[in-house]
Amino acid sequence: MAKIYGQTQAEEDFRCNYGFNAAFAENFRNSKLRFVGYDNEGELRAIELPSHRFFLATLFLPQMRSQPGQPHPLIAAFIQAADI
């Protein structure tokens, strides 16, 4: 995600009623998934799977910052990875 954003910090809209269940954190840490995005309170908001061509999971809403002709960087990266 940092490569897509071109920086290691970003401000995003979070309007989700759900969060990451910390009881499963160790299972995920022992997998190939990486925890890559946290909010100001330290809550996990994004993960990625580096070995996949494009695998990102977020609990924020990149579509809320997209506009016609100006897609959010994550959406633009997804379209590019999809070869559309």
N, C-alpha and C. Protein backbone atom coordinates (compact mmCIF):
# COMPACT_ATOMS: atom_id res chain seq x y z
N MET A 1 0.81 -1.18 0.00
CA MET A 1 0.00 0.00 0.00
C MET A 1 0.86 1.25 0.00
N ALA A 2 1.96 1.22 0.72
CA ALA A 2 2.82 2.40 0.76
C ALA A 2 3.33 2.75 -0.64
N LYS A 3 3.61 1.74 -1.44
CA LYS A 3 4.06 1.99 -2.81
C LYS A 3 2.95 2.67 -3.63
N ILE A 4 1.73 2.22 -3.45
CA ILE A 4 0.60 2.81 -4.17
C ILE A 4 0.39 4.26 -3.76
N TYR A 5 0.43 4.52 -2.47
CA TYR A 5 0.24 5.88 -1.96
C TYR A 5 1.45 6.77 -2.21
N GLY A 6 2.62 6.17 -2.32
CA GLY A 6 3.84 6.96 -2.45
C GLY A 6 4.30 7.54 -1.13
N GLN A 7 3.78 7.01 -0.03
CA GLN A 7 4.14 7.45 1.32
C GLN A 7 3.67 6.40 2.31
N THR A 8 4.09 6.53 3.56
CA THR A 8 3.74 5.53 4.57
C THR A 8 2.55 5.93 5.43
N GLN A 9 2.03 7.12 5.23
CA GLN A 9 0.85 7.56 5.99
C GLN A 9 -0.18 8.13 5.04
N ALA A 10 -1.46 7.87 5.38
CA ALA A 10 -2.56 8.42 4.59
C ALA A 10 -3.75 8.62 5.51
N GLU A 11 -4.58 9.57 5.17
CA GLU A 11 -5.81 9.80 5.93
C GLU A 11 -6.98 9.28 5.11
N GLU A 12 -7.76 8.40 5.71
CA GLU A 12 -8.88 7.77 5.01
C GLU A 12 -10.16 7.87 5.83
N ASP A 13 -11.29 7.71 5.15
CA ASP A 13 -12.59 7.72 5.80
C ASP A 13 -12.90 6.32 6.31
N PHE A 14 -13.26 6.23 7.58
CA PHE A 14 -13.62 4.95 8.18
C PHE A 14 -15.04 5.05 8.70
N ARG A 15 -15.93 4.33 8.07
CA ARG A 15 -17.34 4.34 8.47
C ARG A 15 -17.86 2.92 8.53
N CYS A 16 -17.13 2.07 9.14
CA CYS A 16 -17.47 0.65 9.21
C CYS A 16 -17.91 0.31 10.64
N ASN A 17 -18.92 -0.51 10.76
CA ASN A 17 -19.39 -0.95 12.07
C ASN A 17 -18.59 -2.13 12.60
N TYR A 18 -17.67 -2.61 11.83
CA TYR A 18 -16.90 -3.79 12.20
C TYR A 18 -15.43 -3.44 12.33
N GLY A 19 -14.70 -4.29 12.97
CA GLY A 19 -13.27 -4.12 13.10
C GLY A 19 -12.60 -5.49 13.06
N PHE A 20 -11.32 -5.49 13.14
CA PHE A 20 -10.56 -6.73 13.14
C PHE A 20 -10.65 -7.36 14.52
N ASN A 21 -10.97 -8.63 14.56
CA ASN A 21 -11.05 -9.36 15.83
C ASN A 21 -9.64 -9.74 16.26
N ALA A 22 -9.13 -9.07 17.29
CA ALA A 22 -7.76 -9.28 17.75
C ALA A 22 -7.51 -10.72 18.23
N ALA A 23 -8.56 -11.47 18.52
CA ALA A 23 -8.39 -12.87 18.94
C ALA A 23 -7.76 -13.71 17.83
N PHE A 24 -7.85 -13.25 16.60
CA PHE A 24 -7.30 -13.97 15.46
C PHE A 24 -5.97 -13.41 14.97
N ALA A 25 -5.46 -12.41 15.65
CA ALA A 25 -4.24 -11.71 15.20
C ALA A 25 -3.06 -12.66 15.03
N GLU A 26 -2.86 -13.55 15.97
CA GLU A 26 -1.70 -14.45 15.88
C GLU A 26 -1.81 -15.39 14.68
N ASN A 27 -3.02 -15.84 14.38
CA ASN A 27 -3.22 -16.69 13.20
C ASN A 27 -2.82 -15.95 11.94
N PHE A 28 -3.20 -14.70 11.85
CA PHE A 28 -2.86 -13.91 10.67
C PHE A 28 -1.38 -13.58 10.63
N ARG A 29 -0.78 -13.29 11.77
CA ARG A 29 0.65 -12.96 11.80
C ARG A 29 1.49 -14.15 11.37
N ASN A 30 0.99 -15.36 11.58
CA ASN A 30 1.70 -16.56 11.17
C ASN A 30 1.39 -16.96 9.74
N SER A 31 0.67 -16.14 9.02
CA SER A 31 0.34 -16.41 7.63
C SER A 31 1.19 -15.50 6.74
N LYS A 32 0.89 -15.51 5.46
CA LYS A 32 1.60 -14.65 4.52
C LYS A 32 1.02 -13.25 4.45
N LEU A 33 -0.09 -13.02 5.14
CA LEU A 33 -0.69 -11.69 5.16
C LEU A 33 0.15 -10.74 6.01
N ARG A 34 0.15 -9.46 5.61
CA ARG A 34 0.86 -8.44 6.40
C ARG A 34 -0.13 -7.39 6.87
N PHE A 35 0.00 -7.00 8.12
CA PHE A 35 -0.79 -5.90 8.66
C PHE A 35 -0.10 -4.62 8.24
N VAL A 36 -0.78 -3.77 7.49
CA VAL A 36 -0.10 -2.60 6.93
C VAL A 36 -0.76 -1.26 7.21
N GLY A 37 -1.96 -1.26 7.76
CA GLY A 37 -2.64 0.01 8.01
C GLY A 37 -3.33 0.04 9.35
N TYR A 38 -3.07 1.09 10.11
CA TYR A 38 -3.65 1.26 11.44
C TYR A 38 -4.22 2.67 11.56
N ASP A 39 -5.23 2.81 12.40
CA ASP A 39 -5.75 4.14 12.66
C ASP A 39 -4.97 4.77 13.82
N ASN A 40 -5.35 5.96 14.21
CA ASN A 40 -4.64 6.68 15.27
C ASN A 40 -4.69 5.99 16.62
N GLU A 41 -5.68 5.13 16.82
CA GLU A 41 -5.81 4.40 18.08
C GLU A 41 -5.11 3.04 18.02
N GLY A 42 -4.45 2.74 16.90
CA GLY A 42 -3.74 1.47 16.75
C GLY A 42 -4.59 0.31 16.28
N GLU A 43 -5.82 0.59 15.85
CA GLU A 43 -6.70 -0.46 15.34
C GLU A 43 -6.33 -0.79 13.89
N LEU A 44 -6.27 -2.08 13.59
CA LEU A 44 -5.94 -2.53 12.24
C LEU A 44 -7.01 -2.09 11.25
N ARG A 45 -6.59 -1.51 10.13
CA ARG A 45 -7.53 -1.05 9.11
C ARG A 45 -7.20 -1.58 7.72
N ALA A 46 -6.00 -2.19 7.53
CA ALA A 46 -5.66 -2.68 6.19
C ALA A 46 -4.64 -3.82 6.28
N ILE A 47 -4.83 -4.80 5.40
CA ILE A 47 -3.87 -5.90 5.27
C ILE A 47 -3.56 -6.09 3.79
N GLU A 48 -2.44 -6.72 3.52
CA GLU A 48 -2.08 -7.04 2.14
C GLU A 48 -1.41 -8.40 2.09
N LEU A 49 -1.43 -8.97 0.91
CA LEU A 49 -0.77 -10.25 0.64
C LEU A 49 0.27 -9.99 -0.43
N PRO A 50 1.51 -9.76 -0.04
CA PRO A 50 2.54 -9.34 -1.00
C PRO A 50 2.79 -10.33 -2.14
N SER A 51 2.56 -11.61 -1.92
CA SER A 51 2.83 -12.59 -2.96
C SER A 51 1.75 -12.61 -4.05
N HIS A 52 0.67 -11.91 -3.85
CA HIS A 52 -0.43 -11.86 -4.82
C HIS A 52 -0.28 -10.63 -5.71
N ARG A 53 -0.75 -10.72 -6.92
CA ARG A 53 -0.64 -9.60 -7.86
C ARG A 53 -1.32 -8.34 -7.32
N PHE A 54 -2.48 -8.52 -6.72
CA PHE A 54 -3.15 -7.39 -6.07
C PHE A 54 -4.10 -7.95 -5.02
N PHE A 55 -3.71 -7.87 -3.77
CA PHE A 55 -4.57 -8.31 -2.68
C PHE A 55 -4.45 -7.31 -1.55
N LEU A 56 -5.49 -6.51 -1.38
CA LEU A 56 -5.58 -5.56 -0.29
C LEU A 56 -6.95 -5.71 0.35
N ALA A 57 -6.99 -5.63 1.64
CA ALA A 57 -8.26 -5.62 2.36
C ALA A 57 -8.24 -4.40 3.27
N THR A 58 -9.29 -3.61 3.19
CA THR A 58 -9.36 -2.40 4.01
C THR A 58 -10.68 -2.34 4.78
N LEU A 59 -10.64 -1.65 5.88
CA LEU A 59 -11.86 -1.34 6.62
C LEU A 59 -12.19 0.13 6.47
N PHE A 60 -11.57 0.79 5.52
CA PHE A 60 -11.93 2.16 5.18
C PHE A 60 -12.50 2.16 3.77
N LEU A 61 -12.95 3.30 3.32
CA LEU A 61 -13.73 3.38 2.09
C LEU A 61 -13.05 4.21 1.00
N PRO A 62 -12.14 3.61 0.23
CA PRO A 62 -11.47 4.39 -0.81
C PRO A 62 -12.43 4.97 -1.85
N GLN A 63 -13.55 4.30 -2.08
CA GLN A 63 -14.51 4.80 -3.06
C GLN A 63 -15.10 6.15 -2.66
N MET A 64 -15.08 6.48 -1.37
CA MET A 64 -15.62 7.76 -0.91
C MET A 64 -14.76 8.95 -1.35
N ARG A 65 -13.50 8.68 -1.66
CA ARG A 65 -12.60 9.76 -2.09
C ARG A 65 -12.38 9.76 -3.60
N SER A 66 -13.06 8.88 -4.31
CA SER A 66 -12.94 8.84 -5.76
C SER A 66 -13.94 9.79 -6.39
N GLN A 67 -13.54 10.33 -7.54
CA GLN A 67 -14.41 11.18 -8.33
C GLN A 67 -14.21 10.81 -9.79
N PRO A 68 -15.18 11.10 -10.64
CA PRO A 68 -14.99 10.81 -12.06
C PRO A 68 -13.70 11.45 -12.58
N GLY A 69 -12.88 10.65 -13.17
CA GLY A 69 -11.60 11.15 -13.70
C GLY A 69 -10.50 11.25 -12.66
N GLN A 70 -10.82 11.04 -11.37
CA GLN A 70 -9.83 11.10 -10.30
C GLN A 70 -10.08 9.95 -9.31
N PRO A 71 -9.78 8.74 -9.73
CA PRO A 71 -10.02 7.62 -8.82
C PRO A 71 -9.06 7.64 -7.63
N HIS A 72 -9.50 7.10 -6.53
CA HIS A 72 -8.64 6.93 -5.37
C HIS A 72 -7.42 6.10 -5.79
N PRO A 73 -6.24 6.33 -5.23
CA PRO A 73 -5.05 5.58 -5.63
C PRO A 73 -5.21 4.05 -5.53
N LEU A 74 -5.92 3.56 -4.53
CA LEU A 74 -6.12 2.11 -4.42
C LEU A 74 -7.01 1.58 -5.54
N ILE A 75 -8.01 2.32 -5.91
CA ILE A 75 -8.89 1.90 -7.00
C ILE A 75 -8.16 1.95 -8.33
N ALA A 76 -7.38 2.98 -8.54
CA ALA A 76 -6.58 3.09 -9.78
C ALA A 76 -5.58 1.94 -9.86
N ALA A 77 -4.95 1.59 -8.74
CA ALA A 77 -3.99 0.48 -8.72
C ALA A 77 -4.68 -0.85 -9.00
N PHE A 78 -5.89 -1.02 -8.47
CA PHE A 78 -6.65 -2.25 -8.73
C PHE A 78 -6.98 -2.37 -10.21
N ILE A 79 -7.44 -1.31 -10.81
CA ILE A 79 -7.78 -1.33 -12.24
C ILE A 79 -6.52 -1.64 -13.06
N GLN A 80 -5.42 -1.03 -12.70
CA GLN A 80 -4.17 -1.29 -13.42
C GLN A 80 -3.74 -2.75 -13.26
N ALA A 81 -3.86 -3.30 -12.07
CA ALA A 81 -3.48 -4.69 -11.83
C ALA A 81 -4.40 -5.65 -12.55
N ALA A 82 -5.67 -5.25 -12.73
CA ALA A 82 -6.63 -6.09 -13.43
C ALA A 82 -6.42 -6.08 -14.93
N ASP A 83 -5.57 -5.17 -15.41
CA ASP A 83 -5.27 -5.06 -16.83
C ASP A 83 -6.51 -4.71 -17.66
N ILE A 84 -7.32 -3.81 -17.10
CA ILE A 84 -8.56 -3.41 -17.79
C ILE A 84 -8.25 -2.29 -18.75
